[in-house]
N, C-alpha and C. Protein backbone atom coordinates (compact mmCIF):
# COMPACT_ATOMS: atom_id res chain seq x y z
N UNK A 1 27.13 74.26 -16.73
CA UNK A 1 27.24 74.01 -15.44
C UNK A 1 25.94 74.22 -14.90
N UNK A 2 25.07 75.66 -15.26
CA UNK A 2 24.12 75.73 -14.73
C UNK A 2 23.02 75.01 -15.35
N UNK A 3 23.04 74.29 -16.39
CA UNK A 3 21.90 73.27 -17.04
C UNK A 3 22.07 72.07 -16.27
N UNK A 4 23.49 71.65 -15.74
CA UNK A 4 23.49 70.46 -15.06
C UNK A 4 22.89 70.58 -13.68
N UNK A 5 22.99 71.79 -12.88
CA UNK A 5 22.35 72.01 -11.58
C UNK A 5 21.16 72.22 -11.79
N UNK A 6 20.32 72.76 -12.84
CA UNK A 6 18.84 72.56 -13.12
C UNK A 6 18.31 71.07 -13.15
N UNK A 7 19.26 70.43 -13.99
CA UNK A 7 18.87 69.02 -14.51
C UNK A 7 18.76 68.32 -13.10
N UNK A 8 19.91 68.51 -12.20
CA UNK A 8 19.89 67.65 -10.96
C UNK A 8 18.72 68.30 -9.97
N UNK A 9 18.39 69.42 -9.81
CA UNK A 9 17.50 69.96 -9.32
C UNK A 9 16.13 69.33 -9.33
N UNK A 10 15.81 69.35 -10.97
CA UNK A 10 14.59 68.80 -11.41
C UNK A 10 14.68 67.18 -11.17
N UNK A 11 15.77 66.54 -11.23
CA UNK A 11 15.91 64.91 -10.85
C UNK A 11 15.54 64.82 -9.21
N UNK A 12 16.02 65.66 -8.72
CA UNK A 12 15.72 65.51 -7.12
C UNK A 12 14.43 65.73 -6.84
N UNK A 13 13.68 66.66 -7.41
CA UNK A 13 12.33 67.29 -7.27
C UNK A 13 11.25 65.87 -7.69
N UNK A 14 11.67 65.37 -8.78
CA UNK A 14 10.92 64.29 -9.40
C UNK A 14 11.04 63.01 -8.51
N UNK A 15 12.43 62.66 -7.93
CA UNK A 15 12.61 61.73 -7.00
C UNK A 15 11.91 61.95 -5.84
N UNK A 16 11.93 63.05 -5.42
CA UNK A 16 11.00 63.57 -3.75
C UNK A 16 9.46 63.13 -4.04
N UNK A 17 9.00 63.39 -5.12
CA UNK A 17 7.50 63.30 -5.11
C UNK A 17 7.32 61.68 -5.47
N UNK A 18 8.26 61.05 -6.13
CA UNK A 18 8.06 59.51 -6.33
C UNK A 18 8.14 58.81 -5.05
N UNK A 19 9.14 59.22 -4.12
CA UNK A 19 9.40 58.84 -2.86
C UNK A 19 8.08 59.17 -2.02
N UNK A 20 7.28 60.31 -1.99
CA UNK A 20 6.31 60.62 -1.39
C UNK A 20 5.17 59.91 -1.65
N UNK A 21 5.08 59.78 -3.08
CA UNK A 21 3.93 59.07 -3.52
C UNK A 21 3.71 57.64 -3.27
N UNK A 22 5.34 57.07 -2.99
CA UNK A 22 5.26 55.54 -2.82
C UNK A 22 4.77 55.41 -1.24
N UNK A 23 5.43 56.39 -0.49
CA UNK A 23 5.13 56.44 1.01
C UNK A 23 3.54 56.48 1.19
N UNK A 24 2.86 57.03 0.58
CA UNK A 24 1.36 57.08 0.61
C UNK A 24 0.68 55.92 0.33
N UNK A 25 1.31 55.27 -0.79
CA UNK A 25 0.64 54.06 -1.35
C UNK A 25 1.06 52.93 -0.32
N UNK A 26 2.38 52.87 0.39
CA UNK A 26 2.66 51.78 1.51
C UNK A 26 1.69 52.18 2.57
N UNK A 27 1.40 53.43 3.02
CA UNK A 27 0.56 53.64 4.11
C UNK A 27 -0.83 53.03 3.76
N UNK A 28 -1.45 53.16 2.56
CA UNK A 28 -2.61 52.57 2.21
C UNK A 28 -2.60 51.12 2.17
N UNK A 29 -1.53 50.50 1.70
CA UNK A 29 -1.45 49.02 1.68
C UNK A 29 -1.51 48.51 3.22
N UNK A 30 -0.75 49.13 3.95
CA UNK A 30 -0.41 48.81 5.45
C UNK A 30 -1.84 48.89 6.19
N UNK A 31 -2.58 49.73 5.58
CA UNK A 31 -4.29 49.97 6.21
C UNK A 31 -4.95 48.91 5.77
N UNK A 32 -5.10 48.57 4.56
CA UNK A 32 -5.80 47.79 3.83
C UNK A 32 -5.28 46.21 4.39
N UNK A 33 -4.05 46.01 4.43
CA UNK A 33 -3.69 44.54 4.86
C UNK A 33 -3.93 44.33 6.55
N UNK A 34 -4.09 45.51 7.25
CA UNK A 34 -4.12 45.29 8.57
C UNK A 34 -5.76 45.12 8.99
N UNK A 35 -6.46 45.19 8.12
CA UNK A 35 -7.88 45.01 8.10
C UNK A 35 -7.99 43.37 8.22
N UNK A 36 -9.20 42.86 9.38
CA UNK A 36 -9.28 41.53 9.17
C UNK A 36 -10.62 41.17 8.59
N UNK A 37 -10.78 40.15 8.24
CA UNK A 37 -11.87 39.64 7.51
C UNK A 37 -12.82 39.00 8.58
N UNK A 38 -13.87 39.34 8.96
CA UNK A 38 -14.82 38.79 9.87
C UNK A 38 -15.83 37.88 9.44
N UNK A 39 -15.58 36.46 9.54
CA UNK A 39 -16.25 35.48 9.31
C UNK A 39 -17.05 34.90 10.18
N UNK A 40 -18.18 34.58 10.32
CA UNK A 40 -18.62 34.01 11.69
C UNK A 40 -18.50 32.40 11.48
N UNK A 41 -18.38 31.91 12.73
CA UNK A 41 -17.89 30.52 12.91
C UNK A 41 -18.58 29.97 14.13
N UNK A 42 -19.57 28.81 13.88
CA UNK A 42 -20.00 28.43 15.06
C UNK A 42 -19.19 27.17 15.41
N UNK A 43 -19.04 26.85 16.46
CA UNK A 43 -18.21 25.72 17.04
C UNK A 43 -19.08 24.86 17.66
N UNK A 44 -19.06 23.44 17.65
CA UNK A 44 -19.84 22.63 18.33
C UNK A 44 -18.70 21.43 18.76
N UNK A 45 -19.00 20.60 19.74
CA UNK A 45 -17.98 19.96 20.32
C UNK A 45 -18.91 18.65 20.70
N UNK A 46 -18.11 17.46 20.42
CA UNK A 46 -18.58 16.25 20.62
C UNK A 46 -19.89 15.82 19.85
N UNK A 47 -19.78 15.95 18.60
CA UNK A 47 -20.91 15.81 17.48
C UNK A 47 -21.21 14.52 17.18
N UNK A 48 -22.42 14.19 17.13
CA UNK A 48 -22.63 12.66 16.34
C UNK A 48 -24.17 13.20 15.63
N UNK A 49 -23.99 13.03 14.22
CA UNK A 49 -25.15 13.32 13.41
C UNK A 49 -25.71 12.18 12.79
N UNK A 50 -26.92 11.92 12.94
CA UNK A 50 -27.56 10.69 12.45
C UNK A 50 -28.01 11.38 10.95
N UNK A 51 -27.77 10.40 9.99
CA UNK A 51 -28.03 10.61 8.55
C UNK A 51 -29.05 9.58 8.22
N UNK A 52 -30.32 9.99 8.03
CA UNK A 52 -31.46 9.23 7.48
C UNK A 52 -32.04 9.71 5.98
N UNK A 53 -33.08 8.62 5.71
CA UNK A 53 -33.59 8.79 4.59
C UNK A 53 -35.39 8.18 4.84
N UNK A 54 -35.95 8.92 4.62
CA UNK A 54 -37.36 8.25 4.91
C UNK A 54 -37.34 7.47 6.09
N UNK A 55 -36.75 8.02 7.35
CA UNK A 55 -36.96 7.51 8.46
C UNK A 55 -35.96 6.38 8.77
N UNK A 56 -35.28 6.09 7.73
CA UNK A 56 -34.23 4.88 7.95
C UNK A 56 -32.87 5.54 7.94
N UNK A 57 -32.34 4.98 8.99
CA UNK A 57 -30.80 5.61 9.28
C UNK A 57 -30.20 4.88 8.24
N UNK A 58 -29.13 5.77 7.69
CA UNK A 58 -28.28 5.32 6.63
C UNK A 58 -26.96 5.34 7.02
N UNK A 59 -26.77 6.48 8.02
CA UNK A 59 -25.25 6.73 8.45
C UNK A 59 -25.29 7.49 9.78
N UNK A 60 -23.96 7.53 10.24
CA UNK A 60 -23.70 8.46 11.48
C UNK A 60 -22.46 9.06 11.29
N UNK A 61 -22.32 10.35 11.80
CA UNK A 61 -20.91 11.08 11.66
C UNK A 61 -20.73 11.60 13.05
N UNK A 62 -19.47 11.14 13.44
CA UNK A 62 -19.04 11.48 14.70
C UNK A 62 -17.77 12.22 14.62
N UNK A 63 -17.69 13.45 15.19
CA UNK A 63 -16.38 14.27 15.19
C UNK A 63 -16.33 14.98 16.37
N UNK A 64 -15.21 14.92 17.01
CA UNK A 64 -14.91 15.86 18.33
C UNK A 64 -15.45 17.46 18.30
N UNK A 65 -14.96 17.94 17.15
CA UNK A 65 -15.15 19.46 16.86
C UNK A 65 -15.78 19.82 15.41
N UNK A 66 -16.77 20.37 15.14
CA UNK A 66 -17.62 20.55 14.15
C UNK A 66 -17.38 22.24 14.01
N UNK A 67 -16.96 22.78 12.88
CA UNK A 67 -16.74 24.05 12.73
C UNK A 67 -17.72 24.53 11.74
N UNK A 68 -18.74 25.46 11.85
CA UNK A 68 -19.69 25.92 10.76
C UNK A 68 -19.27 27.29 10.23
N UNK A 69 -18.27 27.43 9.29
CA UNK A 69 -17.98 28.64 8.58
C UNK A 69 -19.20 29.20 7.81
N UNK A 70 -19.66 30.46 8.23
CA UNK A 70 -20.77 31.14 7.52
C UNK A 70 -20.35 32.19 6.57
N UNK A 71 -19.39 31.78 5.54
CA UNK A 71 -18.89 32.62 4.80
C UNK A 71 -19.81 32.61 3.41
N UNK A 72 -19.40 33.40 2.49
CA UNK A 72 -20.08 33.50 1.10
C UNK A 72 -20.42 32.18 0.67
N UNK A 73 -19.52 31.12 0.62
CA UNK A 73 -19.56 29.85 0.36
C UNK A 73 -19.49 29.02 1.50
N UNK A 74 -20.54 28.72 2.38
CA UNK A 74 -20.62 28.11 3.73
C UNK A 74 -20.27 26.65 3.51
N UNK A 75 -19.40 26.33 4.72
CA UNK A 75 -18.99 24.91 4.65
C UNK A 75 -18.73 24.53 6.19
N UNK A 76 -18.74 23.21 6.33
CA UNK A 76 -18.38 22.71 7.74
C UNK A 76 -16.83 22.03 7.68
N UNK A 77 -16.18 22.30 8.77
CA UNK A 77 -14.75 21.71 8.92
C UNK A 77 -14.50 20.91 10.47
N UNK A 78 -14.23 19.77 9.93
CA UNK A 78 -13.80 18.69 11.19
C UNK A 78 -12.33 18.73 11.35
N UNK A 79 -11.88 19.78 12.09
CA UNK A 79 -10.52 19.86 12.10
C UNK A 79 -9.59 18.65 13.17
N UNK A 80 -10.58 18.19 14.03
CA UNK A 80 -9.83 17.00 14.89
C UNK A 80 -10.21 15.80 14.69
N UNK A 81 -10.53 15.35 13.22
CA UNK A 81 -10.87 14.34 12.76
C UNK A 81 -12.39 13.84 12.87
N UNK A 82 -12.68 12.62 12.22
CA UNK A 82 -14.06 12.24 11.89
C UNK A 82 -13.99 10.59 11.76
N UNK A 83 -15.17 10.02 12.27
CA UNK A 83 -15.54 9.00 11.77
C UNK A 83 -16.97 8.79 11.26
N UNK A 84 -17.01 8.23 10.02
CA UNK A 84 -18.38 8.26 9.44
C UNK A 84 -18.77 6.71 9.27
N UNK A 85 -19.95 6.47 9.68
CA UNK A 85 -20.58 4.97 9.61
C UNK A 85 -21.57 4.74 8.83
N UNK A 86 -21.61 3.84 7.72
CA UNK A 86 -22.85 3.75 6.87
C UNK A 86 -23.51 2.29 7.22
N UNK A 87 -24.73 2.28 7.22
CA UNK A 87 -25.72 1.08 7.19
C UNK A 87 -26.08 0.68 6.24
N UNK A 88 -26.37 -0.69 6.03
CA UNK A 88 -27.18 -1.23 5.07
C UNK A 88 -28.69 -1.50 5.25
N UNK A 89 -29.37 -1.90 4.35
CA UNK A 89 -30.79 -1.85 4.54
C UNK A 89 -30.95 -2.75 5.70
N UNK A 90 -30.34 -3.61 6.37
CA UNK A 90 -30.80 -4.11 7.62
C UNK A 90 -29.95 -3.69 8.79
N UNK A 91 -29.62 -2.56 8.73
CA UNK A 91 -28.98 -1.60 9.81
C UNK A 91 -27.83 -2.22 10.37
N UNK A 92 -27.14 -2.75 9.56
CA UNK A 92 -25.93 -3.53 9.77
C UNK A 92 -24.51 -2.58 9.03
N UNK A 93 -23.56 -2.35 9.74
CA UNK A 93 -22.54 -1.69 9.57
C UNK A 93 -21.97 -2.13 7.97
N UNK A 94 -22.14 -1.11 6.82
CA UNK A 94 -21.73 -1.67 5.62
C UNK A 94 -20.17 -1.11 5.33
N UNK A 95 -19.71 0.14 5.93
CA UNK A 95 -18.39 0.75 5.51
C UNK A 95 -18.17 1.89 6.99
N UNK A 96 -17.07 1.92 7.05
CA UNK A 96 -16.64 2.96 7.90
C UNK A 96 -15.60 3.83 7.47
N UNK A 97 -15.59 4.93 7.61
CA UNK A 97 -14.40 5.85 7.13
C UNK A 97 -13.90 6.76 8.31
N UNK A 98 -12.59 6.99 8.38
CA UNK A 98 -11.89 7.74 9.58
C UNK A 98 -11.16 8.65 8.59
N UNK A 99 -10.82 9.67 9.19
CA UNK A 99 -9.90 10.98 8.61
C UNK A 99 -9.49 11.60 9.53
N UNK A 100 -8.02 12.41 9.54
CA UNK A 100 -7.87 13.34 10.47
C UNK A 100 -8.19 14.71 10.45
N UNK A 101 -8.84 15.10 9.03
CA UNK A 101 -9.63 16.26 8.82
C UNK A 101 -10.48 16.09 7.88
N UNK A 102 -11.63 16.94 7.92
CA UNK A 102 -12.76 16.72 6.90
C UNK A 102 -13.26 18.28 6.60
N UNK A 103 -13.81 18.27 5.43
CA UNK A 103 -14.69 19.43 5.04
C UNK A 103 -16.00 19.05 4.55
N UNK A 104 -17.04 19.82 4.49
CA UNK A 104 -18.43 19.58 3.57
C UNK A 104 -18.94 20.82 3.11
N UNK A 105 -18.79 20.82 1.76
CA UNK A 105 -18.93 21.88 1.29
C UNK A 105 -20.38 22.02 0.95
N UNK A 106 -21.20 23.04 1.35
CA UNK A 106 -22.74 22.97 1.19
C UNK A 106 -23.19 23.48 -0.13
N UNK A 107 -22.55 24.29 -0.80
CA UNK A 107 -23.06 24.55 -2.04
C UNK A 107 -22.63 23.67 -3.25
N UNK A 108 -21.43 23.08 -2.94
CA UNK A 108 -21.08 22.13 -4.15
C UNK A 108 -21.19 20.72 -3.90
N UNK A 109 -21.95 20.53 -2.81
CA UNK A 109 -22.35 19.10 -2.38
C UNK A 109 -21.20 18.14 -2.51
N UNK A 110 -19.88 18.78 -2.15
CA UNK A 110 -18.61 17.77 -2.24
C UNK A 110 -18.06 17.72 -0.61
N UNK A 111 -17.68 16.52 -0.56
CA UNK A 111 -17.14 16.07 1.17
C UNK A 111 -15.73 15.91 0.75
N UNK A 112 -14.85 16.44 1.42
CA UNK A 112 -13.20 16.20 1.22
C UNK A 112 -12.95 15.81 2.56
N UNK A 113 -11.99 14.86 2.61
CA UNK A 113 -11.28 14.05 3.77
C UNK A 113 -9.92 14.22 3.58
N UNK A 114 -9.05 14.53 4.49
CA UNK A 114 -7.87 14.45 4.30
C UNK A 114 -6.88 14.07 5.44
N UNK A 115 -5.79 13.59 5.34
CA UNK A 115 -4.89 13.09 6.12
C UNK A 115 -5.29 11.76 6.92
N UNK A 116 -4.52 10.75 6.71
CA UNK A 116 -4.77 9.16 7.22
C UNK A 116 -6.26 8.84 6.87
N UNK A 117 -6.52 8.93 5.67
CA UNK A 117 -8.08 8.59 5.41
C UNK A 117 -7.95 6.98 5.52
N UNK A 118 -9.01 6.12 6.05
CA UNK A 118 -8.82 4.92 5.86
C UNK A 118 -10.52 4.50 5.78
N UNK A 119 -10.84 3.65 4.84
CA UNK A 119 -12.19 3.06 4.42
C UNK A 119 -12.02 1.58 4.78
N UNK A 120 -12.97 1.15 5.49
CA UNK A 120 -13.29 -0.16 5.87
C UNK A 120 -14.71 -0.84 5.09
N UNK A 121 -14.89 -1.75 4.59
CA UNK A 121 -16.03 -2.35 4.09
C UNK A 121 -16.49 -3.52 4.79
N UNK A 122 -17.59 -3.77 4.57
CA UNK A 122 -18.51 -4.88 5.33
C UNK A 122 -17.61 -6.29 4.49
N UNK A 123 -16.99 -6.19 3.63
CA UNK A 123 -16.26 -7.27 3.04
C UNK A 123 -14.91 -7.43 3.55
N UNK A 124 -14.64 -6.42 4.61
CA UNK A 124 -13.08 -6.33 4.99
C UNK A 124 -12.10 -5.81 4.08
N UNK A 125 -12.53 -5.20 3.11
CA UNK A 125 -11.41 -4.54 2.35
C UNK A 125 -11.11 -3.07 3.09
N UNK A 126 -9.94 -2.78 3.01
CA UNK A 126 -9.31 -1.51 3.56
C UNK A 126 -8.49 -0.69 2.71
N UNK A 127 -9.10 0.68 2.29
CA UNK A 127 -8.69 1.44 1.61
C UNK A 127 -7.93 2.55 2.48
N UNK A 128 -6.74 2.81 1.95
CA UNK A 128 -5.92 3.98 2.67
C UNK A 128 -5.50 4.76 1.58
N UNK A 129 -5.54 6.35 2.02
CA UNK A 129 -4.91 7.34 1.38
C UNK A 129 -5.06 8.39 2.05
N UNK A 130 -4.25 9.75 1.63
CA UNK A 130 -4.30 10.82 2.25
C UNK A 130 -5.28 11.96 1.77
N UNK A 131 -5.96 11.29 0.76
CA UNK A 131 -7.35 12.17 0.66
C UNK A 131 -8.56 11.50 0.22
N UNK A 132 -9.68 11.75 0.18
CA UNK A 132 -10.73 11.28 -0.17
C UNK A 132 -11.82 12.08 -0.51
N UNK A 133 -12.49 12.18 -1.68
CA UNK A 133 -13.67 12.90 -2.02
C UNK A 133 -14.79 12.17 -2.09
N UNK A 134 -16.11 12.71 -1.80
CA UNK A 134 -17.38 11.97 -2.09
C UNK A 134 -18.31 13.36 -2.84
N UNK A 135 -18.43 13.00 -4.08
CA UNK A 135 -19.38 14.00 -4.94
C UNK A 135 -20.74 13.51 -4.70
N UNK A 136 -21.50 14.28 -3.96
CA UNK A 136 -22.93 13.79 -3.75
C UNK A 136 -23.64 13.98 -4.93
N UNK A 137 -23.33 14.79 -5.98
CA UNK A 137 -24.20 14.53 -7.29
C UNK A 137 -24.03 13.46 -8.02
N UNK A 138 -22.86 12.84 -8.08
CA UNK A 138 -22.47 11.81 -8.86
C UNK A 138 -22.51 10.43 -8.15
N UNK A 139 -22.31 10.73 -6.86
CA UNK A 139 -22.57 9.58 -5.71
C UNK A 139 -21.58 8.54 -5.92
N UNK A 140 -20.29 9.41 -5.97
CA UNK A 140 -18.91 8.46 -6.29
C UNK A 140 -17.87 8.97 -5.24
N UNK A 141 -17.30 8.32 -4.69
CA UNK A 141 -15.86 8.45 -3.74
C UNK A 141 -14.58 8.44 -4.89
N UNK A 142 -13.91 9.43 -4.77
CA UNK A 142 -12.76 9.36 -5.62
C UNK A 142 -11.54 10.08 -4.76
N UNK A 143 -10.05 9.81 -5.19
CA UNK A 143 -8.95 10.21 -4.73
C UNK A 143 -8.03 10.45 -6.06
N UNK A 144 -7.02 11.57 -5.84
CA UNK A 144 -6.07 11.73 -6.57
C UNK A 144 -4.62 11.68 -6.33
N UNK A 145 -4.72 11.06 -5.12
CA UNK A 145 -3.28 10.72 -4.31
C UNK A 145 -3.21 9.31 -4.37
N UNK A 146 -2.25 8.84 -3.92
CA UNK A 146 -1.85 7.32 -3.98
C UNK A 146 -2.85 6.76 -3.07
N UNK A 147 -3.33 5.66 -3.38
CA UNK A 147 -4.29 4.54 -2.86
C UNK A 147 -3.71 3.41 -2.51
N UNK A 148 -4.03 2.62 -1.44
CA UNK A 148 -3.81 1.48 -1.17
C UNK A 148 -4.98 0.54 -0.67
N UNK A 149 -5.30 -0.50 -1.35
CA UNK A 149 -6.53 -1.49 -1.24
C UNK A 149 -5.76 -2.65 -0.39
N UNK A 150 -6.37 -3.18 0.58
CA UNK A 150 -5.98 -4.61 0.95
C UNK A 150 -7.34 -5.22 1.23
N UNK A 151 -7.32 -6.42 0.66
CA UNK A 151 -8.26 -7.30 0.83
C UNK A 151 -8.21 -8.59 1.84
N UNK A 152 -9.16 -9.06 2.64
CA UNK A 152 -8.97 -10.01 3.48
C UNK A 152 -8.11 -11.20 3.17
N UNK A 153 -8.10 -11.64 1.76
CA UNK A 153 -7.41 -12.69 1.18
C UNK A 153 -5.73 -12.40 1.30
N UNK A 154 -5.50 -10.99 1.44
CA UNK A 154 -3.76 -10.60 1.30
C UNK A 154 -3.62 -10.01 -0.02
N UNK A 155 -4.61 -9.79 -0.81
CA UNK A 155 -4.53 -8.93 -2.16
C UNK A 155 -4.32 -7.53 -1.85
N UNK A 156 -3.00 -7.27 -2.18
CA UNK A 156 -2.89 -5.70 -1.88
C UNK A 156 -2.60 -5.07 -3.17
N UNK A 157 -3.26 -3.77 -3.46
CA UNK A 157 -3.41 -2.98 -4.70
C UNK A 157 -3.10 -1.70 -4.52
N UNK A 158 -2.06 -1.22 -5.30
CA UNK A 158 -1.40 0.02 -5.04
C UNK A 158 -1.84 0.99 -6.31
N UNK A 159 -2.22 2.05 -6.22
CA UNK A 159 -2.30 3.22 -7.53
C UNK A 159 -2.14 4.20 -7.16
N UNK A 160 -2.25 5.41 -8.18
CA UNK A 160 -2.22 6.66 -8.39
C UNK A 160 -3.23 7.46 -8.05
N UNK A 161 -4.57 6.88 -8.40
CA UNK A 161 -5.80 7.38 -8.08
C UNK A 161 -6.66 6.35 -7.80
N UNK A 162 -7.84 6.79 -7.58
CA UNK A 162 -9.04 6.01 -7.17
C UNK A 162 -10.60 6.33 -7.64
N UNK A 163 -11.36 5.82 -7.86
CA UNK A 163 -12.89 6.05 -8.07
C UNK A 163 -13.63 4.59 -7.67
N UNK A 164 -14.64 5.10 -7.14
CA UNK A 164 -15.60 4.07 -6.93
C UNK A 164 -17.07 4.34 -6.44
N UNK A 165 -17.88 3.54 -6.83
CA UNK A 165 -19.36 3.92 -6.42
C UNK A 165 -19.37 4.03 -4.73
N UNK A 166 -20.75 4.55 -4.31
CA UNK A 166 -20.97 5.11 -3.08
C UNK A 166 -20.71 3.89 -1.99
N UNK A 167 -21.08 2.66 -2.50
CA UNK A 167 -20.94 1.58 -1.74
C UNK A 167 -19.40 0.76 -1.72
N UNK A 168 -18.59 1.28 -2.44
CA UNK A 168 -17.06 0.98 -2.68
C UNK A 168 -17.31 -0.61 -3.24
N UNK A 169 -18.34 -0.71 -3.78
CA UNK A 169 -18.46 -2.12 -4.66
C UNK A 169 -17.58 -2.21 -5.86
N UNK A 170 -17.24 -1.26 -6.76
CA UNK A 170 -16.77 -1.27 -7.85
C UNK A 170 -15.60 -0.14 -8.04
N UNK A 171 -14.29 -0.68 -7.22
CA UNK A 171 -13.38 0.45 -7.23
C UNK A 171 -12.49 0.17 -8.66
N UNK A 172 -12.20 1.49 -8.98
CA UNK A 172 -11.13 1.61 -10.09
C UNK A 172 -10.02 2.17 -9.52
N UNK A 173 -8.94 1.61 -9.97
CA UNK A 173 -7.55 2.11 -9.39
C UNK A 173 -6.61 2.17 -10.69
N UNK A 174 -6.22 3.52 -10.82
CA UNK A 174 -5.11 3.98 -12.00
C UNK A 174 -3.96 3.36 -11.53
N UNK A 175 -3.08 3.18 -12.86
CA UNK A 175 -1.76 2.70 -12.47
C UNK A 175 -1.71 1.85 -11.57
N UNK A 176 -2.21 0.72 -11.55
CA UNK A 176 -2.55 -0.15 -10.30
C UNK A 176 -1.25 -1.34 -10.46
N UNK A 177 -0.63 -1.42 -9.20
CA UNK A 177 0.49 -2.41 -8.83
C UNK A 177 0.03 -3.10 -7.91
N UNK A 178 0.38 -4.22 -7.49
CA UNK A 178 0.36 -5.01 -6.38
C UNK A 178 0.60 -6.61 -6.12
N UNK A 179 0.06 -7.01 -5.02
CA UNK A 179 0.35 -8.47 -4.76
C UNK A 179 -1.19 -9.26 -4.85
N UNK A 180 -1.38 -10.12 -5.74
CA UNK A 180 -2.57 -11.01 -5.91
C UNK A 180 -2.26 -12.08 -5.11
N UNK A 181 -3.19 -12.30 -4.19
CA UNK A 181 -3.36 -13.64 -3.41
C UNK A 181 -3.97 -14.70 -4.27
N UNK A 182 -3.43 -15.91 -4.35
CA UNK A 182 -3.62 -16.77 -5.23
C UNK A 182 -4.41 -18.04 -4.55
N UNK A 183 -3.78 -18.17 -3.41
CA UNK A 183 -4.11 -19.42 -2.55
C UNK A 183 -3.47 -20.69 -2.93
N UNK A 184 -2.33 -20.63 -3.76
CA UNK A 184 -1.66 -21.76 -4.09
C UNK A 184 -2.42 -22.53 -5.25
N UNK A 185 -3.15 -21.78 -5.99
CA UNK A 185 -3.97 -22.46 -7.08
C UNK A 185 -3.85 -22.04 -8.43
N UNK A 186 -2.22 -21.75 -8.64
CA UNK A 186 -2.11 -21.44 -10.01
C UNK A 186 -2.07 -22.59 -10.78
N UNK A 187 -2.31 -22.58 -12.13
CA UNK A 187 -1.93 -23.49 -13.07
C UNK A 187 -1.30 -22.89 -14.14
N UNK A 188 -0.55 -23.94 -14.75
CA UNK A 188 0.24 -23.75 -16.23
C UNK A 188 -0.56 -23.60 -17.15
């Protein structure tokens, strides 16, 4: 019986030590989790950025709010939507992109567009997707989400992903399905 009491007392002592040490750990965790990370963010409103190369206007970016996050990997965020307009060598609009949300990563040279992304080309082609990336290094647009491309003649192409050159001249659609407008010119 005496050994049982000693065993019980020893067990209670060890259990108390564990509970106290757990409380200390929980207090430390609460202290760490309550700390906030201070990242500097500059906010600009009513932004219009002209994109040029050798004094020739190549495009324009319009966004109601531009957030410049000054983190370890700085980036720009356009949380209230954006419109990007690109111009050809004759200063005529060659394409237009709209999206509900956008990010531009400074170090990775990657532009990410999200939610209701619509691209309209000079030829009248319209691409719709929920995401679109532009890789500045490779000079290509791509999406890993469902895409739909509608052409002025009524042709409609759907696919599971998409890649194209920066002018949208050579789109490649994966797992493509759709409707091809023939203009009643089919032959047997």
